[in-house]
C-alpha atoms as a PDB file:
ATOM      1  CA  UNK A   1      22.742-264.087 120.137  1.00  0.00           C
ATOM      2  CA  UNK A   2      25.583-265.862 117.664  1.00  0.00           C
ATOM      3  CA  UNK A   3      27.987-265.920 120.747  1.00  0.00           C
ATOM      4  CA  UNK A   4      25.983-267.811 122.823  1.00  0.00           C
ATOM      5  CA  UNK A   5      26.554-271.621 123.602  1.00  0.00           C
ATOM      6  CA  UNK A   6      23.328-273.654 123.244  1.00  0.00           C
ATOM      7  CA  UNK A   7      22.351-276.772 124.789  1.00  0.00           C
ATOM      8  CA  UNK A   8      19.069-278.320 123.622  1.00  0.00           C
ATOM      9  CA  UNK A   9      16.930-281.137 124.856  1.00  0.00           C
ATOM     10  CA  UNK A  10      13.899-282.347 122.792  1.00  0.00           C
ATOM     11  CA  UNK A  11      11.551-284.756 124.596  1.00  0.00           C
ATOM     12  CA  UNK A  12      10.994-287.024 121.330  1.00  0.00           C
ATOM     13  CA  UNK A  13       9.914-289.946 123.394  1.00  0.00           C
ATOM     14  CA  UNK A  14       6.934-288.204 124.801  1.00  0.00           C
ATOM     15  CA  UNK A  15       6.142-285.801 122.243  1.00  0.00           C
ATOM     16  CA  UNK A  16       3.557-284.350 121.615  1.00  0.00           C
ATOM     17  CA  UNK A  17       2.954-282.575 125.051  1.00  0.00           C
ATOM     18  CA  UNK A  18      -0.594-280.922 123.854  1.00  0.00           C
ATOM     19  CA  UNK A  19      -2.597-283.953 124.880  1.00  0.00           C
ATOM     20  CA  UNK A  20      -0.786-284.836 128.029  1.00  0.00           C
ATOM     21  CA  UNK A  21      -1.925-284.468 131.694  1.00  0.00           C
ATOM     22  CA  UNK A  22      -0.638-281.679 133.648  1.00  0.00           C
ATOM     23  CA  UNK A  23       0.946-283.708 135.970  1.00  0.00           C
ATOM     24  CA  UNK A  24       3.054-285.824 133.309  1.00  0.00           C
ATOM     25  CA  UNK A  25       4.056-282.561 131.814  1.00  0.00           C
ATOM     26  CA  UNK A  26       5.370-281.218 135.295  1.00  0.00           C
ATOM     27  CA  UNK A  27       7.272-284.301 135.638  1.00  0.00           C
ATOM     28  CA  UNK A  28       8.985-284.302 132.341  1.00  0.00           C
ATOM     29  CA  UNK A  29      10.028-280.625 132.595  1.00  0.00           C
ATOM     30  CA  UNK A  30      11.552-281.301 136.056  1.00  0.00           C
ATOM     31  CA  UNK A  31      13.598-284.066 134.514  1.00  0.00           C
ATOM     32  CA  UNK A  32      14.557-282.189 131.612  1.00  0.00           C
ATOM     33  CA  UNK A  33      15.737-279.240 133.952  1.00  0.00           C
ATOM     34  CA  UNK A  34      17.807-281.515 136.049  1.00  0.00           C
ATOM     35  CA  UNK A  35      19.632-282.636 132.900  1.00  0.00           C
ATOM     36  CA  UNK A  36      20.359-279.200 131.618  1.00  0.00           C
ATOM     37  CA  UNK A  37      21.464-277.945 134.928  1.00  0.00           C
ATOM     38  CA  UNK A  38      23.813-281.127 134.912  1.00  0.00           C
ATOM     39  CA  UNK A  39      25.106-279.639 131.448  1.00  0.00           C
ATOM     40  CA  UNK A  40      25.921-276.419 133.225  1.00  0.00           C
ATOM     41  CA  UNK A  41      23.380-274.304 131.693  1.00  0.00           C
ATOM     42  CA  UNK A  42      23.082-270.641 132.770  1.00  0.00           C
ATOM     43  CA  UNK A  43      19.829-270.104 131.965  1.00  0.00           C
ATOM     44  CA  UNK A  44      16.874-272.535 130.896  1.00  0.00           C
ATOM     45  CA  UNK A  45      14.225-271.456 128.211  1.00  0.00           C
ATOM     46  CA  UNK A  46      11.183-273.760 128.378  1.00  0.00           C
ATOM     47  CA  UNK A  47      10.654-273.469 124.729  1.00  0.00           C
ATOM     48  CA  UNK A  48       7.152-275.074 124.497  1.00  0.00           C
ATOM     49  CA  UNK A  49       3.715-273.494 125.457  1.00  0.00           C
ATOM     50  CA  UNK A  50       2.216-276.397 127.211  1.00  0.00           C
ATOM     51  CA  UNK A  51       5.436-277.200 129.083  1.00  0.00           C
ATOM     52  CA  UNK A  52       5.472-273.362 130.154  1.00  0.00           C
ATOM     53  CA  UNK A  53       1.581-273.991 131.355  1.00  0.00           C
ATOM     54  CA  UNK A  54       2.205-276.829 133.347  1.00  0.00           C
ATOM     55  CA  UNK A  55       5.938-277.355 134.168  1.00  0.00           C
ATOM     56  CA  UNK A  56       7.355-273.824 134.713  1.00  0.00           C
ATOM     57  CA  UNK A  57       6.939-274.184 138.594  1.00  0.00           C
ATOM     58  CA  UNK A  58       8.306-277.654 138.325  1.00  0.00           C
ATOM     59  CA  UNK A  59      11.541-276.576 136.703  1.00  0.00           C
ATOM     60  CA  UNK A  60      11.753-273.384 139.085  1.00  0.00           C
ATOM     61  CA  UNK A  61      11.661-275.831 141.913  1.00  0.00           C
ATOM     62  CA  UNK A  62      14.264-278.118 140.167  1.00  0.00           C
ATOM     63  CA  UNK A  63      16.862-275.123 139.777  1.00  0.00           C
ATOM     64  CA  UNK A  64      16.221-273.821 143.274  1.00  0.00           C
ATOM     65  CA  UNK A  65      16.774-270.085 141.954  1.00  0.00           C
ATOM     66  CA  UNK A  66      20.378-270.932 140.802  1.00  0.00           C
ATOM     67  CA  UNK A  67      19.926-269.802 137.535  1.00  0.00           C
ATOM     68  CA  UNK A  68      17.280-267.920 135.513  1.00  0.00           C
ATOM     69  CA  UNK A  69      14.181-269.653 133.892  1.00  0.00           C
ATOM     70  CA  UNK A  70      12.392-268.308 131.025  1.00  0.00           C
ATOM     71  CA  UNK A  71       8.975-269.341 129.730  1.00  0.00           C
ATOM     72  CA  UNK A  72       7.202-268.808 126.507  1.00  0.00           C
ATOM     73  CA  UNK A  73       3.892-267.122 127.845  1.00  0.00           C
ATOM     74  CA  UNK A  74       5.050-264.237 130.413  1.00  0.00           C
ATOM     75  CA  UNK A  75       7.077-262.621 127.729  1.00  0.00           C
ATOM     76  CA  UNK A  76       4.140-262.655 125.198  1.00  0.00           C
ATOM     77  CA  UNK A  77       1.853-261.348 127.692  1.00  0.00           C
ATOM     78  CA  UNK A  78       3.893-258.588 128.472  1.00  0.00           C
ATOM     79  CA  UNK A  79       4.597-257.591 125.085  1.00  0.00           C
ATOM     80  CA  UNK A  80       0.694-257.597 124.247  1.00  0.00           C
ATOM     81  CA  UNK A  81      -0.198-255.434 127.134  1.00  0.00           C
ATOM     82  CA  UNK A  82       2.304-252.690 125.995  1.00  0.00           C
ATOM     83  CA  UNK A  83       0.497-252.445 122.665  1.00  0.00           C
ATOM     84  CA  UNK A  84      -2.458-249.901 123.496  1.00  0.00           C
ATOM     85  CA  UNK A  85      -4.011-250.356 120.052  1.00  0.00           C
ATOM     86  CA  UNK A  86      -4.999-253.992 120.279  1.00  0.00           C
ATOM     87  CA  UNK A  87      -8.614-254.429 121.453  1.00  0.00           C
ATOM     88  CA  UNK A  88      -9.353-258.110 120.935  1.00  0.00           C
ATOM     89  CA  UNK A  89      -6.642-260.724 120.908  1.00  0.00           C
ATOM     90  CA  UNK A  90      -6.949-264.033 119.758  1.00  0.00           C
ATOM     91  CA  UNK A  91      -4.785-267.000 120.744  1.00  0.00           C
ATOM     92  CA  UNK A  92      -4.408-270.288 118.906  1.00  0.00           C
ATOM     93  CA  UNK A  93      -2.375-273.381 120.612  1.00  0.00           C
ATOM     94  CA  UNK A  94      -2.647-276.802 121.898  1.00  0.00           C
ATOM     95  CA  UNK A  95      -5.573-278.502 123.599  1.00  0.00           C
ATOM     96  CA  UNK A  96      -3.305-278.252 126.896  1.00  0.00           C
ATOM     97  CA  UNK A  97      -2.155-274.733 126.536  1.00  0.00           C
ATOM     98  CA  UNK A  98      -5.846-273.582 125.639  1.00  0.00           C
ATOM     99  CA  UNK A  99      -7.399-275.562 128.197  1.00  0.00           C
ATOM    100  CA  UNK A 100      -5.018-274.178 131.092  1.00  0.00           C
ATOM    101  CA  UNK A 101      -6.174-270.464 130.059  1.00  0.00           C
ATOM    102  CA  UNK A 102      -2.887-269.063 130.874  1.00  0.00           C
ATOM    103  CA  UNK A 103      -2.579-266.609 128.224  1.00  0.00           C
ATOM    104  CA  UNK A 104      -5.730-265.295 128.894  1.00  0.00           C
ATOM    105  CA  UNK A 105      -5.194-264.962 132.641  1.00  0.00           C
ATOM    106  CA  UNK A 106      -1.710-263.638 132.025  1.00  0.00           C
ATOM    107  CA  UNK A 107      -2.714-261.080 129.336  1.00  0.00           C
ATOM    108  CA  UNK A 108      -5.943-259.866 131.471  1.00  0.00           C
ATOM    109  CA  UNK A 109      -3.756-259.550 134.702  1.00  0.00           C
ATOM    110  CA  UNK A 110      -1.716-256.831 132.951  1.00  0.00           C
ATOM    111  CA  UNK A 111      -4.435-255.321 130.568  1.00  0.00           C
ATOM    112  CA  UNK A 112      -7.852-255.941 132.342  1.00  0.00           C
ATOM    113  CA  UNK A 113      -9.874-253.981 129.457  1.00  0.00           C
ATOM    114  CA  UNK A 114      -8.154-255.946 126.868  1.00  0.00           C
ATOM    115  CA  UNK A 115     -10.584-258.873 125.179  1.00  0.00           C
ATOM    116  CA  UNK A 116      -8.756-262.203 124.624  1.00  0.00           C
ATOM    117  CA  UNK A 117     -10.123-265.402 123.082  1.00  0.00           C
ATOM    118  CA  UNK A 118      -8.504-268.861 122.871  1.00  0.00           C
ATOM    119  CA  UNK A 119      -8.882-271.710 120.604  1.00  0.00           C
ATOM    120  CA  UNK A 120      -7.379-274.967 120.485  1.00  0.00           C
ATOM    121  CA  UNK A 121      -5.914-275.930 117.080  1.00  0.00           C
ATOM    122  CA  UNK A 122      -4.438-279.392 117.705  1.00  0.00           C
ATOM    123  CA  UNK A 123      -3.901-280.336 113.883  1.00  0.00           C
ATOM    124  CA  UNK A 124      -1.481-277.570 113.261  1.00  0.00           C
ATOM    125  CA  UNK A 125       1.608-279.048 115.134  1.00  0.00           C
ATOM    126  CA  UNK A 126       1.256-282.290 113.346  1.00  0.00           C
ATOM    127  CA  UNK A 127       1.038-280.483 110.065  1.00  0.00           C
ATOM    128  CA  UNK A 128       4.428-278.712 110.768  1.00  0.00           C
ATOM    129  CA  UNK A 129       6.029-281.961 112.024  1.00  0.00           C
ATOM    130  CA  UNK A 130       4.717-283.735 108.575  1.00  0.00           C
ATOM    131  CA  UNK A 131       6.103-280.744 106.598  1.00  0.00           C
ATOM    132  CA  UNK A 132       2.706-279.810 105.564  1.00  0.00           C
ATOM    133  CA  UNK A 133       3.077-276.145 105.939  1.00  0.00           C
ATOM    134  CA  UNK A 134       2.730-273.600 102.984  1.00  0.00           C
ATOM    135  CA  UNK A 135       0.587-275.962 101.335  1.00  0.00           C
ATOM    136  CA  UNK A 136      -3.043-276.161 100.178  1.00  0.00           C
ATOM    137  CA  UNK A 137      -3.702-278.698 102.988  1.00  0.00           C
ATOM    138  CA  UNK A 138      -2.363-276.257 105.635  1.00  0.00           C
ATOM    139  CA  UNK A 139      -4.258-273.307 104.398  1.00  0.00           C
ATOM    140  CA  UNK A 140      -7.668-275.244 104.190  1.00  0.00           C
ATOM    141  CA  UNK A 141      -7.110-276.456 107.811  1.00  0.00           C
ATOM    142  CA  UNK A 142      -6.282-273.156 109.066  1.00  0.00           C
ATOM    143  CA  UNK A 143      -9.356-271.589 107.158  1.00  0.00           C
ATOM    144  CA  UNK A 144     -11.531-273.984 108.997  1.00  0.00           C
ATOM    145  CA  UNK A 145     -10.173-273.061 112.455  1.00  0.00           C
ATOM    146  CA  UNK A 146     -10.558-269.625 111.665  1.00  0.00           C
ATOM    147  CA  UNK A 147     -14.233-269.788 111.047  1.00  0.00           C
ATOM    148  CA  UNK A 148     -14.693-270.072 114.689  1.00  0.00           C
ATOM    149  CA  UNK A 149     -16.810-267.290 115.580  1.00  0.00           C
ATOM    150  CA  UNK A 150     -14.708-266.562 118.719  1.00  0.00           C
ATOM    151  CA  UNK A 151     -12.045-265.045 116.354  1.00  0.00           C
ATOM    152  CA  UNK A 152     -14.574-262.651 114.416  1.00  0.00           C
ATOM    153  CA  UNK A 153     -12.973-258.999 114.639  1.00  0.00           C
ATOM    154  CA  UNK A 154      -9.790-259.814 116.265  1.00  0.00           C
ATOM    155  CA  UNK A 155      -6.775-257.283 115.542  1.00  0.00           C
ATOM    156  CA  UNK A 156      -4.020-259.382 116.765  1.00  0.00           C
ATOM    157  CA  UNK A 157      -3.357-263.124 117.117  1.00  0.00           C
ATOM    158  CA  UNK A 158      -0.779-264.975 119.396  1.00  0.00           C
ATOM    159  CA  UNK A 159       0.934-268.019 117.950  1.00  0.00           C
ATOM    160  CA  UNK A 160       0.776-270.231 121.172  1.00  0.00           C
ATOM    161  CA  UNK A 161       2.982-272.859 120.065  1.00  0.00           C
ATOM    162  CA  UNK A 162       6.739-272.917 119.173  1.00  0.00           C
ATOM    163  CA  UNK A 163       5.646-274.686 115.759  1.00  0.00           C
ATOM    164  CA  UNK A 164       3.399-272.192 114.588  1.00  0.00           C
ATOM    165  CA  UNK A 165       5.838-269.666 113.292  1.00  0.00           C
ATOM    166  CA  UNK A 166       6.438-272.037 110.344  1.00  0.00           C
ATOM    167  CA  UNK A 167       2.882-271.518 109.412  1.00  0.00           C
ATOM    168  CA  UNK A 168       3.140-267.746 109.625  1.00  0.00           C
ATOM    169  CA  UNK A 169       2.676-267.094 106.054  1.00  0.00           C
ATOM    170  CA  UNK A 170      -0.251-269.466 105.692  1.00  0.00           C
ATOM    171  CA  UNK A 171      -1.990-267.593 108.634  1.00  0.00           C
ATOM    172  CA  UNK A 172      -1.375-264.284 107.040  1.00  0.00           C
ATOM    173  CA  UNK A 173      -2.736-265.494 103.815  1.00  0.00           C
ATOM    174  CA  UNK A 174      -6.031-266.683 105.359  1.00  0.00           C
ATOM    175  CA  UNK A 175      -6.524-263.618 108.002  1.00  0.00           C
ATOM    176  CA  UNK A 176      -5.188-260.867 105.699  1.00  0.00           C
ATOM    177  CA  UNK A 177      -3.252-257.669 106.690  1.00  0.00           C
ATOM    178  CA  UNK A 178      -5.537-256.257 109.316  1.00  0.00           C
ATOM    179  CA  UNK A 179      -4.635-258.909 111.805  1.00  0.00           C
ATOM    180  CA  UNK A 180      -1.298-258.631 113.546  1.00  0.00           C
ATOM    181  CA  UNK A 181       0.418-261.790 113.832  1.00  0.00           C
ATOM    182  CA  UNK A 182       2.545-262.068 117.267  1.00  0.00           C
ATOM    183  CA  UNK A 183       5.324-264.585 116.810  1.00  0.00           C
ATOM    184  CA  UNK A 184       6.527-265.670 120.367  1.00  0.00           C
ATOM    185  CA  UNK A 185       9.825-266.961 119.048  1.00  0.00           C
ATOM    186  CA  UNK A 186      11.000-263.431 118.250  1.00  0.00           C
ATOM    187  CA  UNK A 187       9.585-261.948 121.506  1.00  0.00           C
ATOM    188  CA  UNK A 188      11.333-264.752 123.518  1.00  0.00           C
ATOM    189  CA  UNK A 189      14.763-264.087 121.888  1.00  0.00           C
ATOM    190  CA  UNK A 190      14.386-260.467 122.664  1.00  0.00           C
ATOM    191  CA  UNK A 191      13.253-260.872 126.130  1.00  0.00           C
ATOM    192  CA  UNK A 192      16.178-263.548 126.726  1.00  0.00           C
ATOM    193  CA  UNK A 193      18.872-261.073 125.560  1.00  0.00           C
ATOM    194  CA  UNK A 194      17.643-258.438 127.729  1.00  0.00           C
ATOM    195  CA  UNK A 195      17.555-260.778 130.609  1.00  0.00           C
ATOM    196  CA  UNK A 196      21.413-262.093 130.057  1.00  0.00           C
ATOM    197  CA  UNK A 197      22.326-258.383 129.678  1.00  0.00           C
ATOM    198  CA  UNK A 198      20.731-257.308 133.084  1.00  0.00           C
ATOM    199  CA  UNK A 199      22.363-260.164 134.629  1.00  0.00           C
ATOM    200  CA  UNK A 200      25.716-259.920 132.959  1.00  0.00           C
ATOM    201  CA  UNK A 201      25.422-263.307 131.571  1.00  0.00           C
ATOM    202  CA  UNK A 202      25.525-262.442 127.961  1.00  0.00           C
ATOM    203  CA  UNK A 203      27.923-264.766 126.008  1.00  0.00           C
ATOM    204  CA  UNK A 204      31.029-263.395 123.953  1.00  0.00           C
ATOM    205  CA  UNK A 205      32.449-266.846 122.789  1.00  0.00           C
ATOM    206  CA  UNK A 206      34.036-266.416 119.324  1.00  0.00           C
ATOM    207  CA  UNK A 207      33.546-270.353 118.677  1.00  0.00           C
ATOM    208  CA  UNK A 208      29.936-270.879 120.050  1.00  0.00           C
ATOM    209  CA  UNK A 209      28.811-274.384 120.417  1.00  0.00           C
ATOM    210  CA  UNK A 210      25.415-276.019 119.960  1.00  0.00           C
ATOM    211  CA  UNK A 211      24.931-279.332 121.539  1.00  0.00           C
ATOM    212  CA  UNK A 212      21.418-281.020 120.720  1.00  0.00           C
ATOM    213  CA  UNK A 213      19.939-283.898 122.846  1.00  0.00           C
ATOM    214  CA  UNK A 214      16.844-286.011 122.352  1.00  0.00           C
ATOM    215  CA  UNK A 215      15.065-288.631 124.415  1.00  0.00           C
ATOM    216  CA  UNK A 216      14.533-290.826 121.533  1.00  0.00           C
ATOM    217  CA  UNK A 217      16.256-290.743 118.026  1.00  0.00           C
ATOM    218  CA  UNK A 218      13.860-290.689 114.983  1.00  0.00           C
ATOM    219  CA  UNK A 219      14.554-289.938 111.511  1.00  0.00           C
ATOM    220  CA  UNK A 220      11.498-287.668 111.508  1.00  0.00           C
ATOM    221  CA  UNK A 221      12.824-285.384 114.211  1.00  0.00           C
ATOM    222  CA  UNK A 222      16.207-285.330 112.583  1.00  0.00           C
ATOM    223  CA  UNK A 223      14.847-283.741 109.506  1.00  0.00           C
ATOM    224  CA  UNK A 224      12.512-281.472 111.400  1.00  0.00           C
ATOM    225  CA  UNK A 225      15.422-280.267 113.556  1.00  0.00           C
ATOM    226  CA  UNK A 226      17.496-279.432 110.375  1.00  0.00           C
ATOM    227  CA  UNK A 227      14.483-277.442 108.945  1.00  0.00           C
ATOM    228  CA  UNK A 228      13.934-275.632 112.237  1.00  0.00           C
ATOM    229  CA  UNK A 229      17.707-274.838 112.649  1.00  0.00           C
ATOM    230  CA  UNK A 230      18.568-274.060 109.085  1.00  0.00           C
ATOM    231  CA  UNK A 231      21.387-276.672 108.558  1.00  0.00           C
ATOM    232  CA  UNK A 232      22.463-280.161 109.158  1.00  0.00           C
ATOM    233  CA  UNK A 233      22.934-280.798 113.036  1.00  0.00           C
ATOM    234  CA  UNK A 234      23.943-283.586 115.187  1.00  0.00           C
ATOM    235  CA  UNK A 235      21.480-285.281 117.388  1.00  0.00           C
ATOM    236  CA  UNK A 236      22.694-287.134 120.392  1.00  0.00           C
ATOM    237  CA  UNK A 237      20.078-289.269 122.541  1.00  0.00           C
ATOM    238  CA  UNK A 238      20.173-289.024 126.331  1.00  0.00           C
ATOM    239  CA  UNK A 239      18.133-291.325 128.523  1.00  0.00           C
ATOM    240  CA  UNK A 240      17.300-288.971 131.466  1.00  0.00           C
ATOM    241  CA  UNK A 241      14.302-291.059 132.740  1.00  0.00           C
ATOM    242  CA  UNK A 242      16.346-293.713 134.766  1.00  0.00           C
END
């Protein structure tokens, strides 16, 4: 959606969310939602699995149904449920996401006969943050995680963290062609476009803008932001906790 204006907020002061308490993540999510609505956002995407698990209802409460809110879990659960060939789905994510069992609950609600197994892979997000993807180290870590007997005979794997798509090639190399890798970023983008079209909110700006805010500026995050977005961007610090 190249014609959409993007307002991004990265909570660098509190990352990673994966090992934070549910109440803390809900509090952070509510504050961020207030900031984004103050910037006249027409839709909010909670682009974090842990925040989607623990902060979704806090965001809904904050926006008071004035604008749509999309989390990164429900669209993936819906996507998985439409694929009748899947028999055993694996989910990898942070400790917070996996301990919530949100993927298993949402997928099983839609497809009761589908087997869903979840394992926490807390080392993966830091590997991406430190640019250790597509390396021997990342493949070794993944191979060790995938030795978990819970993942035996999975036919598909949900990447339950928004860092993990950068590890997709490494994961494919370790698991082989028999396992379908499900990238939430692609599913969410498709779902978001559909939602905007249905609500007649799809942007048509010929000079779309992107504004990037963080709660604490660090050189590492600045570097990672360029890596994710594909070119140089400007980060502005916004203290929303006062």
